[in-house]
Protein backbone atom coordinates (compact mmCIF):
# COMPACT_ATOMS: atom_id res chain seq x y z
CA MET A 1 107.60 144.75 44.03
CA SER A 2 107.70 146.56 40.73
CA LYS A 3 108.30 150.17 40.70
CA GLU A 4 104.78 150.70 39.24
CA ARG A 5 103.25 149.07 42.17
CA GLY A 6 105.02 148.90 45.55
CA ASN A 7 103.56 151.86 47.65
CA ASN A 8 100.71 152.25 45.06
CA ILE A 9 99.06 148.83 45.05
CA LEU A 10 96.38 149.37 47.83
CA LEU A 11 94.02 152.16 47.13
CA ARG A 12 93.81 151.92 43.47
CA ASN A 13 90.50 152.64 41.97
CA ILE A 14 88.70 151.38 45.22
CA PHE A 15 88.01 154.69 47.41
CA GLN A 16 86.89 157.58 45.40
CA THR A 17 85.87 160.09 48.31
CA ASN A 18 87.14 160.85 51.73
CA GLU A 19 83.62 159.38 52.96
CA ASP A 20 84.69 156.12 51.13
CA ILE A 21 88.21 156.16 52.67
CA TRP A 22 87.00 156.55 56.09
CA GLU A 23 83.57 154.94 56.27
CA GLY A 24 82.41 153.28 52.98
CA ARG A 25 85.59 151.11 52.82
CA PHE A 26 83.92 148.85 55.44
CA SER A 27 80.76 148.34 53.52
CA TRP A 28 83.17 147.16 50.82
CA TYR A 29 85.03 144.91 53.13
CA LYS A 30 81.73 143.50 54.14
CA LYS A 31 80.89 142.75 50.54
CA MET A 32 84.09 141.19 49.51
CA ARG A 33 84.10 139.04 52.41
CA ASN A 34 80.79 137.64 51.52
CA GLU A 35 81.06 137.61 47.89
CA SER A 36 84.65 137.31 46.77
CA PRO A 37 86.98 136.63 49.80
CA VAL A 38 89.93 135.96 47.89
CA TYR A 39 89.80 138.23 44.79
CA TYR A 40 91.98 138.78 41.66
CA ASP A 41 92.32 142.24 40.57
CA GLU A 42 93.02 142.04 36.82
CA LYS A 43 94.14 145.47 36.32
CA ALA A 44 96.50 145.64 39.04
CA LYS A 45 97.68 142.09 38.84
CA ILE A 46 97.27 141.54 42.54
CA TRP A 47 95.22 139.35 44.98
CA ASP A 48 93.16 140.81 47.69
CA VAL A 49 92.19 138.77 50.65
CA PHE A 50 89.57 139.84 53.22
CA LEU A 51 88.86 136.88 55.64
CA TYR A 52 90.32 136.93 59.27
CA GLU A 53 90.86 133.06 58.98
CA ASP A 54 92.60 133.27 55.61
CA ILE A 55 94.68 136.45 56.76
CA VAL A 56 95.98 134.58 59.82
CA LYS A 57 96.95 131.48 57.95
CA ILE A 58 99.09 133.69 55.40
CA LEU A 59 100.64 135.70 58.32
CA LYS A 60 101.72 132.33 60.11
CA ASN A 61 103.15 130.82 57.05
CA PRO A 62 106.14 132.79 55.76
CA LYS A 63 107.37 129.52 53.86
CA ILE A 64 104.56 130.15 51.42
CA PHE A 65 103.81 133.63 51.80
CA SER A 66 106.70 135.83 51.96
CA SER A 67 107.46 139.32 53.51
CA GLU A 68 110.78 139.67 51.33
CA ARG A 69 110.61 142.56 49.17
CA LYS A 70 113.90 143.23 47.75
CA ASN A 71 114.37 146.52 46.01
CA LYS A 72 117.65 148.61 46.24
CA ASN A 73 115.69 151.71 46.22
CA ILE A 74 113.70 150.93 49.38
CA PRO A 75 115.89 150.46 52.76
CA THR A 76 113.27 148.68 54.78
CA SER A 77 113.96 145.69 52.39
CA ASN A 78 116.89 145.24 54.64
CA SER A 79 114.80 145.31 57.98
CA ILE A 80 113.27 142.60 59.70
CA ILE A 81 109.47 143.24 58.41
CA ALA A 82 110.89 142.12 54.91
CA MET A 83 112.69 139.03 56.07
CA ASP A 84 111.78 135.26 56.55
CA PRO A 85 113.09 132.55 58.65
CA PRO A 86 115.74 131.86 59.59
CA ARG A 87 117.53 135.38 59.18
CA HIS A 88 114.42 137.14 60.65
CA ASN A 89 114.67 134.93 63.87
CA LYS A 90 118.44 136.07 64.53
CA ILE A 91 117.63 139.86 63.79
CA ARG A 92 114.59 139.62 65.83
CA ALA A 93 116.47 138.32 68.69
CA LEU A 94 118.75 141.29 68.55
CA VAL A 95 116.28 144.01 68.27
CA ASN A 96 113.90 142.26 70.95
CA LYS A 97 116.59 143.52 73.59
CA ALA A 98 115.71 147.14 72.90
CA PHE A 99 111.94 146.54 73.56
CA THR A 100 111.91 144.63 76.78
CA PRO A 101 108.68 145.25 78.95
CA ARG A 102 111.22 146.59 81.71
CA THR A 103 112.84 149.02 78.71
CA ILE A 104 109.28 150.22 77.63
CA GLN A 105 108.38 151.04 81.35
CA MET A 106 111.50 152.90 81.83
CA TRP A 107 110.25 155.28 79.33
CA LYS A 108 106.69 156.03 81.21
CA PRO A 109 107.91 159.02 83.15
CA ARG A 110 109.65 160.74 79.94
CA ILE A 111 106.32 160.06 77.66
CA GLU A 112 104.10 161.78 80.70
CA TRP A 113 106.69 164.49 80.72
CA HIS A 114 106.18 165.10 76.95
CA ILE A 115 102.17 164.74 77.26
CA GLN A 116 102.15 167.39 80.08
CA LYS A 117 104.27 169.93 77.94
CA LEU A 118 102.36 169.48 74.73
CA LEU A 119 98.94 169.86 76.36
CA GLU A 120 99.85 172.75 78.68
CA LYS A 121 100.29 174.82 75.16
CA VAL A 122 96.19 174.52 74.71
CA GLN A 123 95.53 174.35 78.42
CA ASP A 124 93.48 178.01 77.80
CA GLU A 125 92.26 177.38 74.28
CA ASN A 126 88.66 176.70 73.47
CA GLN A 127 89.43 174.59 70.48
CA PHE A 128 92.29 172.74 69.30
CA ASP A 129 93.63 169.72 66.75
CA ILE A 130 94.09 166.50 68.38
CA VAL A 131 96.75 165.67 65.77
CA LYS A 132 98.57 168.73 65.51
CA THR A 133 98.80 169.13 69.36
CA ILE A 134 99.29 165.58 70.75
CA ALA A 135 98.81 162.62 68.46
CA TYR A 136 101.55 163.75 65.97
CA PRO A 137 104.14 165.28 67.90
CA LEU A 138 104.44 163.02 70.86
CA PRO A 139 105.13 159.52 69.14
CA LEU A 140 107.36 161.39 66.89
CA THR A 141 109.40 162.59 69.57
CA ILE A 142 109.40 159.65 71.74
CA ILE A 143 110.29 157.32 68.68
CA ALA A 144 112.99 159.59 67.54
CA THR A 145 114.42 159.81 70.98
CA ILE A 146 114.53 156.07 71.43
CA ILE A 147 116.10 155.76 68.20
CA GLY A 148 118.64 158.51 69.01
CA VAL A 149 118.24 161.38 66.68
CA PRO A 150 117.71 165.00 68.00
CA ASN A 151 114.48 167.07 68.18
CA SER A 152 115.76 169.40 65.88
CA ASP A 153 115.45 166.93 62.81
CA MET A 154 111.59 166.08 63.92
CA ASP A 155 109.95 168.19 60.76
CA LYS A 156 112.40 166.63 58.36
CA PHE A 157 111.18 163.29 59.67
CA ARG A 158 107.43 164.07 59.41
CA GLU A 159 108.20 165.28 55.67
CA TRP A 160 110.03 161.95 54.70
CA THR A 161 107.65 159.89 56.48
CA MET A 162 104.56 161.18 55.03
CA SER A 163 106.09 161.33 51.37
CA ILE A 164 106.85 157.29 51.93
CA VAL A 165 103.53 156.34 53.19
CA SER A 166 100.89 158.82 51.38
CA GLY A 167 99.54 157.08 48.26
CA PRO A 168 99.13 158.93 44.79
CA ALA A 169 96.13 161.54 44.56
CA ASP A 170 94.56 159.81 41.59
CA ASN A 171 95.30 156.85 39.54
CA SER A 172 96.66 158.48 36.25
CA LYS A 173 100.07 157.27 35.22
CA GLU A 174 101.79 160.69 35.79
CA THR A 175 100.37 160.96 39.36
CA ILE A 176 101.46 157.24 40.30
CA LYS A 177 104.98 158.07 38.59
CA GLU A 178 105.51 161.42 40.77
CA ASN A 179 104.30 159.51 43.80
CA THR A 180 106.76 156.52 43.04
CA LYS A 181 109.59 159.38 42.96
CA SER A 182 108.45 160.88 45.94
CA VAL A 183 108.63 157.55 47.89
CA TYR A 184 112.12 156.96 46.73
CA LYS A 185 113.21 160.24 47.65
CA GLY A 186 111.80 159.98 51.05
CA PHE A 187 113.78 156.49 51.42
CA LYS A 188 116.97 158.04 50.28
CA ASN A 189 117.06 160.80 52.40
CA LEU A 190 116.13 158.77 55.66
CA ASN A 191 118.84 156.23 54.34
CA ASP A 192 121.53 159.12 54.06
CA TYR A 193 120.43 160.65 57.33
CA PHE A 194 120.76 157.33 59.27
CA ALA A 195 124.12 156.32 57.47
CA GLU A 196 125.59 159.24 59.05
CA ILE A 197 124.07 159.01 62.39
CA ILE A 198 125.50 155.24 62.61
CA GLU A 199 128.90 156.66 61.80
CA LYS A 200 129.02 158.78 64.38
CA LYS A 201 127.51 156.55 67.19
CA ARG A 202 129.83 153.92 66.35
CA ASN A 203 132.56 156.49 67.63
CA GLU A 204 130.57 157.99 70.48
CA PRO A 205 127.62 155.20 71.38
CA GLN A 206 124.70 156.54 73.58
CA ASP A 207 121.82 155.73 75.51
CA ASP A 208 119.72 154.76 72.32
CA ILE A 209 118.55 152.06 70.19
CA ILE A 210 120.79 152.73 67.26
CA SER A 211 123.84 152.15 69.44
CA VAL A 212 122.41 149.13 71.30
CA LEU A 213 121.95 147.58 67.76
CA ILE A 214 125.40 148.83 66.63
CA ASN A 215 126.83 146.73 69.67
CA ALA A 216 124.27 143.89 69.84
CA GLU A 217 125.43 140.31 69.22
CA GLU A 218 123.60 137.01 69.13
CA ASP A 219 125.51 133.75 68.99
CA GLY A 220 128.29 135.67 67.10
CA PHE A 221 125.88 137.35 64.68
CA LYS A 222 125.85 141.13 64.46
CA LEU A 223 123.72 143.40 62.32
CA SER A 224 125.07 145.16 59.09
CA ASN A 225 124.96 148.94 58.53
CA GLU A 226 122.26 148.27 56.09
CA GLU A 227 120.12 146.08 58.53
CA ILE A 228 120.40 149.00 61.27
CA ILE A 229 119.46 151.34 58.56
CA GLY A 230 116.34 149.54 57.48
CA PHE A 231 115.26 148.76 60.87
CA SER A 232 115.53 152.38 62.02
CA ILE A 233 113.45 153.83 59.21
CA LEU A 234 110.95 151.06 59.91
CA LEU A 235 111.05 151.78 63.49
CA LEU A 236 110.42 155.55 62.73
CA ILE A 237 107.71 155.06 60.13
CA ALA A 238 105.71 152.31 61.78
CA GLY A 239 106.33 153.70 65.59
CA HIS A 240 105.33 157.09 64.68
CA GLU A 241 102.49 156.76 62.25
CA THR A 242 100.98 153.97 63.78
CA THR A 243 100.91 155.62 67.31
CA THR A 244 99.56 159.03 65.75
CA ASN A 245 96.64 157.16 64.01
CA LEU A 246 95.93 155.02 67.25
CA ILE A 247 95.80 157.93 69.39
CA THR A 248 93.45 160.04 66.85
CA ASN A 249 90.97 157.23 66.17
CA SER A 250 90.58 156.68 69.93
CA VAL A 251 89.67 159.99 70.60
CA TYR A 252 87.38 160.05 67.55
CA CYS A 253 85.55 156.81 68.79
CA PHE A 254 85.25 158.08 72.32
CA LEU A 255 83.94 161.61 71.03
CA GLU A 256 81.42 159.91 68.42
CA ASN A 257 79.73 157.71 71.33
CA GLU A 258 78.89 159.80 74.24
CA PRO A 259 77.73 156.95 76.19
CA LEU A 260 81.16 155.31 75.89
CA LEU A 261 82.95 158.30 76.74
CA ASN A 262 80.79 158.59 79.78
CA GLN A 263 81.79 155.12 80.97
CA ILE A 264 85.47 155.61 80.58
CA LYS A 265 85.29 159.08 82.48
CA GLN A 266 83.81 157.24 85.35
CA ASP A 267 86.02 154.27 85.40
CA PRO A 268 89.52 154.95 83.46
CA ASP A 269 90.42 151.48 84.27
CA LEU A 270 88.29 150.61 81.20
CA LEU A 271 90.87 152.39 79.05
CA PRO A 272 93.13 149.45 78.03
CA LYS A 273 90.06 147.35 76.79
CA ALA A 274 88.78 150.57 74.97
CA ILE A 275 92.23 150.83 73.02
CA GLU A 276 91.99 147.37 72.09
CA GLU A 277 88.44 148.00 70.69
CA VAL A 278 89.60 150.94 68.99
CA LEU A 279 92.70 148.64 67.46
CA ARG A 280 90.02 146.35 66.16
CA TYR A 281 87.24 148.62 65.05
CA ARG A 282 89.40 151.59 63.54
CA SER A 283 92.86 149.96 63.23
CA PRO A 284 95.67 152.26 62.33
CA VAL A 285 97.02 149.87 59.59
CA HIS A 286 94.51 148.54 57.12
CA ALA A 287 96.59 146.42 54.75
CA MET A 288 99.73 144.41 54.80
CA PRO A 289 101.59 143.06 51.63
CA ARG A 290 102.86 139.86 50.88
CA ILE A 291 104.43 137.79 47.98
CA VAL A 292 103.70 134.09 47.20
CA LYS A 293 106.78 131.86 47.30
CA GLU A 294 105.31 128.81 45.83
CA ASN A 295 102.19 127.60 43.91
CA THR A 296 99.43 127.28 46.33
CA GLU A 297 95.49 127.54 46.77
CA LEU A 298 93.34 129.63 48.76
CA ARG A 299 89.42 128.97 48.87
CA GLY A 300 90.00 127.39 45.63
CA GLN A 301 91.99 130.00 43.82
CA LYS A 302 95.22 129.19 42.56
CA LEU A 303 97.88 131.39 43.63
CA LYS A 304 101.25 131.19 41.64
CA ALA A 305 104.89 131.73 43.01
CA GLY A 306 105.80 135.62 42.29
CA ASP A 307 101.93 136.73 42.96
CA GLU A 308 101.48 139.64 45.04
CA ILE A 309 98.79 139.59 47.91
CA VAL A 310 97.14 142.29 49.85
CA LEU A 311 96.00 141.26 53.33
CA TRP A 312 93.17 143.64 54.50
CA ILE A 313 93.56 144.09 57.97
CA GLY A 314 90.77 146.50 58.25
CA SER A 315 88.34 143.77 57.01
CA ALA A 316 89.90 140.88 59.11
CA ASN A 317 88.86 142.97 62.13
CA ARG A 318 85.62 143.46 61.27
CA ASP A 319 84.92 139.76 60.13
CA GLU A 320 81.77 138.44 61.64
CA ASN A 321 82.72 135.07 61.66
CA GLN A 322 85.51 136.10 64.52
CA PHE A 323 83.94 138.61 66.17
CA ASP A 324 80.31 138.96 67.67
CA CYS A 325 78.48 142.09 66.31
CA ALA A 326 81.62 142.98 64.50
CA GLU A 327 80.37 146.35 62.91
CA GLU A 328 79.67 147.66 66.71
CA PHE A 329 82.07 149.11 69.13
CA ASN A 330 81.80 147.00 72.26
CA LEU A 331 83.85 147.72 75.25
CA GLN A 332 82.68 144.47 76.85
CA ARG A 333 83.94 142.24 74.12
CA THR A 334 85.57 139.30 75.82
CA SER A 335 87.45 138.08 73.01
CA ASN A 336 89.36 140.36 70.80
CA SER A 337 92.02 138.79 69.00
CA HIS A 338 92.56 141.43 66.45
CA LEU A 339 95.22 141.81 63.85
CA ALA A 340 95.99 145.69 64.15
CA PHE A 341 99.53 144.63 65.26
CA GLY A 342 99.65 141.64 62.99
CA THR A 343 99.95 137.93 64.29
CA GLY A 344 103.13 135.42 63.77
CA ILE A 345 106.89 136.06 63.51
CA HIS A 346 106.05 139.81 62.59
CA PHE A 347 103.75 140.84 65.31
CA CYS A 348 104.57 144.50 65.93
CA LEU A 349 107.57 144.92 68.09
CA GLY A 350 106.53 148.29 69.05
CA ALA A 351 103.04 147.35 70.21
CA PRO A 352 103.64 147.76 73.93
CA LEU A 353 104.97 151.13 73.58
CA SER A 354 101.95 152.48 71.14
CA ARG A 355 99.75 150.92 73.78
CA LEU A 356 101.22 152.47 76.69
CA GLU A 357 101.62 156.32 74.66
CA THR A 358 98.02 155.88 73.82
CA ASN A 359 96.74 154.98 77.30
CA LEU A 360 98.85 157.79 78.92
CA VAL A 361 97.56 160.45 76.31
CA LEU A 362 93.75 159.53 76.87
CA LEU A 363 94.11 159.53 80.69
CA GLU A 364 95.48 163.14 80.63
CA LEU A 365 92.97 164.46 78.00
CA ILE A 366 90.02 162.92 80.02
CA LYS A 367 91.49 164.46 83.13
CA ARG A 368 92.13 168.13 81.57
CA PHE A 369 89.52 168.37 79.29
CA PRO A 370 86.39 166.54 80.70
CA ASN A 371 83.88 168.55 78.38
CA MET A 372 85.90 167.51 75.05
CA LYS A 373 83.59 167.22 72.19
CA LEU A 374 84.01 167.24 68.38
CA SER A 375 84.16 170.76 66.96
CA THR A 376 81.06 171.65 64.96
CA LYS A 377 83.92 172.87 62.23
CA HIS A 378 85.09 169.32 62.12
CA THR A 379 85.08 167.60 58.79
CA ILE A 380 86.50 164.24 57.78
CA GLU A 381 89.69 164.49 56.12
CA PRO A 382 91.21 161.19 56.18
CA LEU A 383 94.85 160.20 55.37
CA GLN A 384 95.40 159.58 51.57
CA SER A 385 97.65 156.58 52.62
CA PRO A 386 97.32 153.11 51.07
CA LEU A 387 98.58 151.55 54.40
CA MET A 388 97.54 153.88 57.17
CA TYR A 389 94.11 154.63 58.43
CA GLY A 390 93.62 157.81 60.39
CA LEU A 391 92.87 161.51 60.06
CA LYS A 392 94.82 164.40 58.86
CA LYS A 393 93.41 166.56 61.83
CA LEU A 394 90.76 166.06 64.29
CA GLU A 395 89.38 169.43 65.75
CA VAL A 396 87.72 169.45 69.24
CA THR A 397 86.09 172.08 71.58
CA VAL A 398 86.79 171.81 75.37
């Protein structure tokens, strides 16, 4: 991707207000699904794809629709999310070893301990911010610990990751230029940090993912330093921001729907299904980029090799051709093959961890604060992010 696009391709001139970013976007998705499901944005020189069927087709066809985004300023260009087979398959086999179901379950007691400690801080409060209290600090603490970095660096990580995922405040050339600088600076800081950490762990391996990746080998194949750095940064950003948004969006969905919340209070075993519906209805990630590798056609539109595509996951998950009553939150949905974690070879490696953290947080919130409601002071302040869908804060009363 070019410097002018890259991180700035997704919000463009589409969403003008907070209400547009949070709620209005779904009307736009529906309009585009019905009128222009494969749309070429002449100004941005980008294809937008909106239908579930088309997005699945693209995600499952890396031969034509590539994830590879080579940019020396972006270390995640060396991570598995930006690779195609066969190299992707070899690296995925290595990193899978750090995310087995058994390994994830081993983290459950530690996650529960952190949840207790974080919520104890607001036990006697009448009002608090879900994001600040639990949705932000918990996933960051867990993923940073799993990767192998100290708690003392958490605030630095938050600053660096937000500089990467945040889009420009407006579409002026100067703002986009400054945003691009901020993105590259965030990546450089993370790159330098992890390069130093990796060298330390080569000499003193510990019980963490970086140490596992340094020593992992599959059929004589080992990861390079650059690949370990790229994967660590990807894991930090995706594992933190996605789960923060999933927790926040779940609480919002429950509190805006009192009958739903009452159902879950009466039967907490419904939580896993409820979380899956949140993943569909208010997906933490709303867009994924791809690049066309060879000339092809999609719904009569001719896509050329080198063309950039935005896959609107948030639209696919509200596609009425795939989901009955797609615009409704339905706890009893029997078929829910949403794309919140992607599909195909790039299905999110950390999905089980994200689900586990969210489930444990929601269980404890319901138990501790049975009378929790949205605060009368609550206002919608969505993330100004091209990729992520969530709220900057979520004030509740208890």
